[in-house]
Protein backbone atom coordinates (compact mmCIF):
# COMPACT_ATOMS: atom_id res chain seq x y z
CA MET A 1 -0.12 0.06 -0.02
CA ARG A 2 2.87 2.45 0.85
CA ILE A 3 4.58 1.59 -2.44
CA LEU A 4 1.17 2.24 -4.50
CA SER A 5 0.83 5.72 -2.46
CA ALA A 6 4.44 6.62 -3.27
CA LEU A 7 3.80 5.74 -6.85
CA LEU A 8 0.58 7.98 -6.91
CA VAL A 9 2.59 11.01 -5.38
CA VAL A 10 5.31 10.65 -8.07
CA LEU A 11 2.66 10.46 -10.83
CA PHE A 12 0.85 13.41 -9.43
CA PHE A 13 3.90 15.51 -9.19
CA LEU A 14 4.95 14.76 -12.75
CA VAL A 15 1.36 15.47 -13.92
CA GLY A 16 1.47 18.99 -12.05
CA CYS A 17 4.77 19.96 -13.42
CA ARG A 18 3.82 18.97 -17.07
CA ALA A 19 0.51 21.25 -16.36
CA MET A 20 2.57 24.08 -15.05
CA GLU A 21 4.83 23.90 -17.92
CA THR A 22 2.03 23.95 -20.53
CA LEU A 23 0.47 27.06 -18.91
CA SER A 24 3.62 28.91 -18.56
CA PRO A 25 3.72 32.16 -20.89
CA LEU A 26 5.75 32.18 -23.70
CA PRO A 27 8.81 34.50 -23.73
CA THR A 28 8.62 37.62 -25.81
CA GLU A 29 11.14 36.62 -28.28
CA ALA A 30 9.10 33.29 -29.00
CA ILE A 31 6.04 35.32 -30.24
CA SER A 32 5.96 35.12 -33.98
CA PRO A 33 4.95 38.32 -36.03
CA LEU A 34 2.08 37.88 -38.50
CA PRO A 35 3.11 35.33 -41.04
CA THR A 36 4.51 36.51 -44.41
CA GLU A 37 3.64 33.37 -46.52
CA ARG A 38 0.64 33.55 -48.73
CA PRO A 39 -2.24 33.02 -46.22
CA SER A 40 -5.42 30.79 -46.85
CA ALA A 41 -8.59 32.61 -48.09
CA PRO A 42 -10.57 32.27 -44.70
CA GLU A 43 -7.90 34.03 -42.73
CA VAL A 44 -8.05 37.37 -44.48
CA THR A 45 -11.41 39.40 -44.50
CA PRO A 46 -11.99 41.39 -47.57
CA ILE A 47 -12.77 45.04 -46.78
CA GLY A 48 -15.88 44.84 -48.94
CA GLU A 49 -17.62 42.41 -46.36
CA ILE A 50 -16.68 44.67 -43.59
CA LEU A 51 -18.16 47.54 -45.32
CA ALA A 52 -21.25 45.50 -46.30
CA ASN A 53 -21.76 44.24 -42.69
CA PRO A 54 -20.31 46.80 -40.28
CA ALA A 55 -22.66 45.82 -37.33
CA ARG A 56 -21.90 42.13 -37.61
CA TYR A 57 -17.90 42.83 -37.57
CA GLU A 58 -18.08 45.58 -34.99
CA GLY A 59 -15.81 44.45 -32.12
CA ARG A 60 -14.34 41.52 -33.97
CA GLU A 61 -10.63 41.05 -34.56
CA VAL A 62 -9.89 40.71 -38.35
CA ILE A 63 -6.89 40.42 -40.62
CA VAL A 64 -6.80 42.46 -43.57
CA GLU A 65 -4.80 43.17 -46.65
CA GLY A 66 -4.82 46.39 -48.50
CA TYR A 67 -2.96 48.78 -50.43
CA TYR A 68 -1.69 52.07 -48.73
CA ARG A 69 -3.80 54.84 -49.83
CA GLY A 70 -2.34 57.59 -47.36
CA TRP A 71 -5.01 60.40 -47.03
CA ASP A 72 -7.54 58.30 -49.02
CA ILE A 73 -6.00 59.87 -52.07
CA PHE A 74 -8.49 58.06 -54.63
CA GLY A 75 -11.72 58.78 -52.38
CA GLU A 76 -12.17 55.04 -51.87
CA THR A 77 -13.53 55.19 -48.33
CA GLY A 78 -16.33 57.63 -49.33
CA ALA A 79 -16.31 58.99 -45.83
CA ALA A 80 -14.34 61.43 -43.71
CA PRO A 81 -11.47 60.23 -41.33
CA PRO A 82 -13.04 58.59 -38.33
CA LYS A 83 -10.67 60.04 -35.76
CA THR A 84 -8.34 62.67 -36.86
CA ARG A 85 -7.49 64.51 -40.15
CA SER A 86 -4.16 62.58 -40.24
CA ASP A 87 -6.07 59.06 -40.35
CA ILE A 88 -4.82 56.86 -43.43
CA ALA A 89 -6.79 54.61 -45.47
CA ILE A 90 -5.99 51.37 -47.09
CA ALA A 91 -7.93 49.50 -49.88
CA ASP A 92 -8.39 45.84 -51.58
CA PRO A 93 -9.95 45.00 -54.79
CA THR A 94 -13.18 44.93 -52.57
CA GLY A 95 -13.27 48.56 -51.16
CA GLY A 96 -11.49 51.13 -48.95
CA ILE A 97 -11.36 51.71 -45.38
CA TYR A 98 -9.67 54.03 -42.74
CA ILE A 99 -7.15 52.42 -40.15
CA VAL A 100 -6.44 53.90 -36.78
CA PRO A 101 -3.24 53.05 -35.14
CA ALA A 102 -3.36 51.30 -31.50
CA GLU A 103 -0.53 51.08 -29.11
CA GLY A 104 2.34 49.23 -30.80
CA PHE A 105 1.75 50.10 -34.27
CA GLY A 106 3.87 53.11 -34.22
CA LYS A 107 6.92 51.31 -35.89
CA LEU A 108 5.22 50.27 -38.98
CA GLN A 109 3.74 53.99 -39.27
CA GLU A 110 7.22 55.09 -39.39
CA MET A 111 8.22 52.84 -42.32
CA LEU A 112 5.15 54.08 -44.49
CA PRO A 113 5.62 56.58 -47.24
CA PRO A 114 4.28 60.06 -47.36
CA PRO A 115 0.39 59.96 -47.32
CA ALA A 116 -0.24 62.45 -50.06
CA GLU A 117 1.42 61.03 -52.76
CA ALA A 118 -0.28 58.73 -55.35
CA THR A 119 3.07 57.37 -56.37
CA ASN A 120 3.08 55.27 -52.91
CA ALA A 121 -0.20 53.85 -53.38
CA ASP A 122 1.05 50.36 -54.41
CA VAL A 123 2.56 49.33 -50.96
CA LEU A 124 0.67 46.40 -49.71
CA LEU A 125 -0.02 46.09 -46.12
CA ARG A 126 -1.05 43.15 -43.87
CA LEU A 127 -2.74 44.27 -40.70
CA ARG A 128 -4.53 42.74 -37.74
CA GLY A 129 -6.96 44.86 -35.77
CA ARG A 130 -10.57 45.29 -34.37
CA VAL A 131 -13.54 46.79 -36.27
CA GLU A 132 -14.90 49.71 -34.62
CA ARG A 133 -17.63 52.11 -35.48
CA THR A 134 -18.03 55.97 -35.40
CA ALA A 135 -21.16 57.34 -33.66
CA GLU A 136 -22.54 57.67 -37.19
CA GLY A 137 -22.09 53.96 -37.91
CA GLN A 138 -18.81 54.36 -40.06
CA PRO A 139 -16.68 51.17 -39.71
CA TYR A 140 -12.83 51.59 -39.32
CA ILE A 141 -10.12 49.28 -38.15
CA LEU A 142 -8.26 49.91 -34.85
CA VAL A 143 -4.99 48.57 -35.82
CA SER A 144 -2.68 46.43 -33.22
CA GLU A 145 0.03 45.02 -35.57
CA GLY A 146 0.83 44.83 -39.30
CA GLU A 147 3.61 44.56 -41.85
CA ILE A 148 4.58 45.59 -45.29
CA VAL A 149 4.40 42.50 -47.67
CA SER A 150 5.92 41.86 -51.24
CA ARG A 151 3.33 39.98 -52.95
CA LEU A 152 -0.38 40.30 -54.13
CA PRO A 153 -3.48 40.27 -51.96
CA SER A 154 -4.83 36.92 -50.79
CA ASP A 155 -6.72 35.16 -53.66
CA ILE A 156 -5.49 37.63 -56.29
CA VAL A 157 -3.59 35.82 -59.05
CA LEU A 158 -3.32 38.73 -61.59
CA ARG A 159 -2.92 42.61 -61.09
CA ALA A 160 -2.42 45.02 -63.81
CA ARG A 161 -2.26 48.83 -64.15
CA ARG A 162 -2.85 50.51 -67.15
CA THR A 163 -1.41 54.05 -67.81
CA GLY A 164 -1.09 56.40 -70.56
CA GLY A 165 -3.40 57.14 -73.83
CA ILE A 166 -4.64 60.35 -74.93
CA ALA A 167 -6.84 60.88 -71.89
CA GLY A 168 -4.05 60.10 -69.40
CA PHE A 169 -5.68 56.70 -68.26
CA ASP A 170 -4.63 55.40 -64.66
CA GLN A 171 -6.63 51.97 -63.81
CA GLU A 172 -6.16 48.98 -61.83
CA LEU A 173 -7.38 45.70 -62.64
CA THR A 174 -7.38 42.61 -60.33
CA VAL A 175 -8.49 38.97 -60.92
CA SER A 176 -9.19 36.64 -58.20
CA ARG A 177 -8.79 32.72 -58.06
CA ASP A 178 -12.64 32.45 -58.48
CA GLY A 179 -13.08 34.31 -61.60
CA THR A 180 -13.94 37.80 -60.13
CA GLY A 181 -12.65 40.69 -62.10
CA ARG A 182 -12.47 44.08 -60.67
CA LEU A 183 -11.67 47.39 -62.49
CA PHE A 184 -10.93 50.63 -60.40
CA ASP A 185 -10.35 53.88 -62.27
CA ARG A 186 -7.98 56.05 -60.16
CA ARG A 187 -9.09 59.18 -62.13
CA SER A 188 -13.03 58.98 -62.17
CA ARG A 189 -12.84 56.87 -58.92
CA GLN A 190 -15.34 54.42 -60.41
CA ARG A 191 -15.39 50.79 -59.90
CA ALA A 192 -16.82 47.90 -62.02
CA LEU A 193 -17.22 44.17 -61.16
CA PHE A 194 -17.27 41.53 -63.94
CA PRO A 195 -16.87 37.82 -64.29
CA VAL A 196 -13.88 35.88 -65.72
CA ASN A 197 -13.54 32.41 -66.53
CA PRO A 198 -10.87 30.98 -64.17
CA THR A 199 -9.51 28.54 -66.95
CA ASP A 200 -8.91 31.75 -69.00
CA VAL A 201 -7.05 33.23 -66.10
CA GLN A 202 -4.72 30.28 -65.68
CA LYS A 203 -4.03 30.34 -69.52
CA ALA A 204 -3.30 33.94 -69.43
CA VAL A 205 -0.70 33.56 -66.51
CA GLU A 206 1.03 30.92 -68.71
CA ALA A 207 1.24 33.02 -71.71
CA LEU A 208 2.77 35.73 -69.60
CA ARG A 209 5.31 33.58 -68.05
CA PRO A 210 7.84 33.77 -70.84
CA PHE A 211 8.24 37.49 -70.80
CA MET A 212 8.22 37.97 -66.81
CA GLU A 213 12.13 37.70 -66.88
CA GLN A 214 12.36 40.69 -69.51
CA GLY A 215 10.98 43.37 -67.31
CA LYS A 216 9.90 45.59 -70.00
CA VAL A 217 8.54 44.24 -73.45
CA GLY A 218 8.18 46.59 -76.46
CA LYS A 219 8.93 50.52 -76.61
CA PRO A 220 6.84 53.32 -75.35
CA VAL A 221 5.02 55.21 -78.20
CA PRO A 222 3.22 58.70 -78.05
CA ASP A 223 -0.09 58.44 -76.18
CA GLY A 224 0.08 54.71 -75.95
CA PHE A 225 -0.78 52.50 -73.16
CA ALA A 226 1.57 50.64 -70.86
CA TYR A 227 0.34 47.72 -68.78
CA THR A 228 2.32 46.67 -65.84
CA ILE A 229 1.22 43.23 -64.85
CA THR A 230 2.03 41.40 -61.68
CA VAL A 231 1.31 37.72 -61.29
CA GLN A 232 0.95 35.42 -58.15
CA ASP A 233 2.53 32.08 -59.03
CA GLY A 234 2.52 30.21 -55.81
CA GLU A 235 5.07 31.83 -53.27
CA LYS A 236 6.61 33.74 -56.35
CA VAL A 237 5.69 37.16 -57.60
CA GLN A 238 6.86 38.37 -61.03
CA SER A 239 6.17 41.64 -62.81
CA VAL A 240 6.33 43.01 -66.28
CA THR A 241 5.45 46.09 -68.42
CA PHE A 242 4.04 45.70 -71.89
CA TYR A 243 4.15 48.73 -74.08
CA GLU A 244 1.13 48.83 -76.44
CA GLY A 245 1.89 49.60 -80.00
CA GLN A 246 5.49 47.98 -80.64
CA LEU A 247 5.07 44.34 -79.77
CA SER A 248 5.74 40.87 -81.33
CA ASP A 249 3.04 38.81 -82.37
CA GLU A 250 3.76 36.45 -79.39
CA ALA A 251 3.68 39.39 -76.93
CA ALA A 252 0.52 40.93 -78.35
CA ARG A 253 -1.22 37.44 -77.93
CA ALA A 254 -0.14 37.20 -74.42
CA LEU A 255 -1.35 40.69 -73.75
CA GLN A 256 -4.61 40.37 -75.39
CA PRO A 257 -6.69 38.74 -72.43
CA ILE A 258 -5.63 41.69 -70.20
CA GLN A 259 -6.68 44.21 -72.82
CA GLU A 260 -9.97 42.42 -73.08
CA TRP A 261 -10.49 42.38 -69.39
CA PHE A 262 -9.84 46.23 -69.12
CA GLY A 263 -12.56 46.67 -71.97
CA ARG A 264 -14.94 44.42 -70.02
CA GLY A 265 -14.59 46.34 -66.84
CA GLN A 266 -15.28 49.57 -68.59
CA VAL A 267 -18.49 48.38 -70.34
CA GLN A 268 -19.98 46.75 -67.19
CA PRO A 269 -22.76 47.62 -66.47
CA PRO A 270 -24.27 48.76 -69.81
CA ALA A 271 -23.72 52.39 -70.85
CA GLY A 272 -25.92 54.82 -68.91
CA THR A 273 -26.26 52.55 -65.87
CA PRO A 274 -24.70 54.13 -62.83
CA ARG A 275 -21.86 52.00 -61.43
CA PRO A 276 -22.47 50.99 -57.80
CA ALA A 277 -20.14 51.13 -54.94
CA PHE A 278 -19.13 47.49 -54.09
CA GLY A 279 -21.47 47.76 -51.18
CA PRO A 280 -24.74 46.36 -52.75
CA VAL A 281 -22.92 43.63 -54.55
CA GLU A 282 -20.57 42.39 -52.01
CA ALA A 283 -23.68 42.51 -49.51
CA ALA A 284 -25.48 40.35 -51.91
CA ARG A 285 -22.49 37.77 -52.10
CA SER A 286 -22.13 37.60 -48.41
CA ALA A 287 -25.90 37.17 -47.82
CA LEU A 288 -25.82 34.10 -50.19
CA ALA A 289 -22.75 32.96 -48.59
CA GLY A 290 -24.34 32.80 -45.19
CA LYS A 291 -27.54 31.12 -46.61
CA LEU A 292 -25.39 28.49 -48.21
CA GLY A 293 -22.79 27.95 -45.53
CA ILE A 294 -19.89 28.63 -47.69
CA PRO A 295 -17.14 31.04 -48.14
CA ALA A 296 -18.03 34.34 -50.21
CA LEU A 297 -14.93 33.62 -52.56
CA GLU A 298 -16.69 30.67 -53.89
CA ILE A 299 -19.51 32.73 -55.12
CA THR A 300 -19.23 34.34 -58.44
CA VAL A 301 -20.99 37.53 -59.37
CA ILE A 302 -22.44 36.98 -62.98
CA SER A 303 -24.01 40.37 -63.48
CA TYR A 304 -25.76 43.29 -61.61
CA GLU A 305 -27.75 46.10 -62.80
CA ALA A 306 -29.21 49.37 -61.32
CA VAL A 307 -33.10 48.78 -60.86
CA ASP A 308 -36.03 51.30 -59.68
CA TRP A 309 -38.07 48.87 -57.41
CA PRO A 310 -41.86 49.86 -57.54
CA ASP A 311 -42.14 49.71 -53.83
CA THR A 312 -40.25 48.84 -50.66
CA SER A 313 -40.57 44.98 -51.24
CA LEU A 314 -37.47 45.33 -53.70
CA GLY A 315 -39.47 43.38 -56.28
CA CYS A 316 -40.31 40.24 -53.85
CA PRO A 317 -43.43 41.06 -52.18
CA GLN A 318 -44.57 38.63 -49.50
CA PRO A 319 -48.37 37.45 -49.18
CA GLY A 320 -49.97 39.45 -46.38
CA MET A 321 -47.15 42.05 -45.99
CA MET A 322 -47.85 45.76 -46.79
CA TYR A 323 -45.10 47.79 -48.52
CA ALA A 324 -44.67 51.58 -49.05
CA GLN A 325 -45.58 52.36 -52.59
CA VAL A 326 -42.62 54.63 -53.31
CA ILE A 327 -39.99 54.02 -55.84
CA THR A 328 -36.92 52.46 -54.23
CA PRO A 329 -33.69 52.55 -56.12
CA GLY A 330 -31.34 49.40 -55.76
CA TYR A 331 -29.84 46.74 -57.62
CA ARG A 332 -30.49 43.15 -59.15
CA VAL A 333 -27.45 40.98 -58.64
CA VAL A 334 -27.11 37.52 -60.32
CA LEU A 335 -24.65 35.05 -58.40
CA GLU A 336 -23.43 31.53 -59.06
CA ALA A 337 -22.58 29.10 -56.47
CA LYS A 338 -21.72 25.20 -57.08
CA GLY A 339 -23.24 25.38 -60.63
CA GLN A 340 -26.56 27.20 -59.59
CA ARG A 341 -27.50 30.88 -59.99
CA TYR A 342 -29.41 32.93 -57.65
CA GLU A 343 -30.89 36.35 -58.09
CA ALA A 344 -30.70 39.02 -55.20
CA HIS A 345 -32.43 42.40 -55.00
CA THR A 346 -30.92 44.84 -52.81
CA ASP A 347 -31.57 48.71 -51.97
CA LEU A 348 -29.38 51.20 -53.00
CA ALA A 349 -26.85 51.03 -50.10
CA GLY A 350 -26.78 47.26 -49.80
CA GLY A 351 -28.33 47.24 -46.40
CA ARG A 352 -31.34 45.14 -47.55
CA VAL A 353 -31.00 41.98 -49.57
CA ILE A 354 -33.70 39.79 -50.66
CA PHE A 355 -33.68 36.46 -52.56
CA CYS A 356 -37.35 36.02 -54.15
CA SER A 357 -36.78 32.32 -54.29
CA ALA A 358 -35.04 30.87 -51.21
CA PRO A 359 -31.47 29.68 -51.85
């Protein structure tokens, strides 16, 4: 009996030491910074989702990736600074948002370029912080830590910038893995969203690969376009600039899909239809993701159009319900998920999303 008791004491001592070892805090030098490798899609929250659902994200910690936009130099936030006139903004392909530094963020701020110069708008930041809202409901991110990263945002496989032309174009195009194309015009501050076949994206990347080591292809011509294209190939990031007008046949063929996507972004939606902010479209996408229980990145935006709904039912009246008989501006958004299409009706801001037929 004494032997058994002694064994129990020894066993209890060993287990207790192990538990204390497990619960001991890690030394400061063992705490790793944010990972620099390409993160998985669920880890990074698109800014557009925060803008479309600010109440749902308020108080939650998020990781975002966005390009440094200084003092909102392209007007992507659509709002005034939340705290001070010196607040800075970031933007990813889905929208722009202000970030406010918390304690410990100062070192990164010291590394950032001047906030008023557009030439610095291509620095990609990876940030961790908590979503907060102003008294008016405007979301912003209270950033606790972050870093500058030299790659494309998560799930973006191709980014192109078109500059030049008689009108002095300055446009950004991004294409994601799920086939979502997004065009942002820095001068007009307009955005467009359009679908791209993911297979075509992969073919375009393959066609560009032989030119990546050259850095520059062709020669500048007066009033011609320059296309600076960056592709994400696994962990490798490569860039090349094509000068339209003096290209070999092979180079012209490699550039053709990029030119077509820029063109599609400019004609989506049809001429004369107001271009929406990403709010209504991303809100519809997020709502469908919630109903189907799948990531929003698995949902493709097929089309969207501005609609004046005849009443507040947004074109989906329910039996026994009364609706104000007033014209209600909004959007009809067609989405596709797992081979099936869904039609969402929204109001102008994307605050209400209705599916006439339940997903």
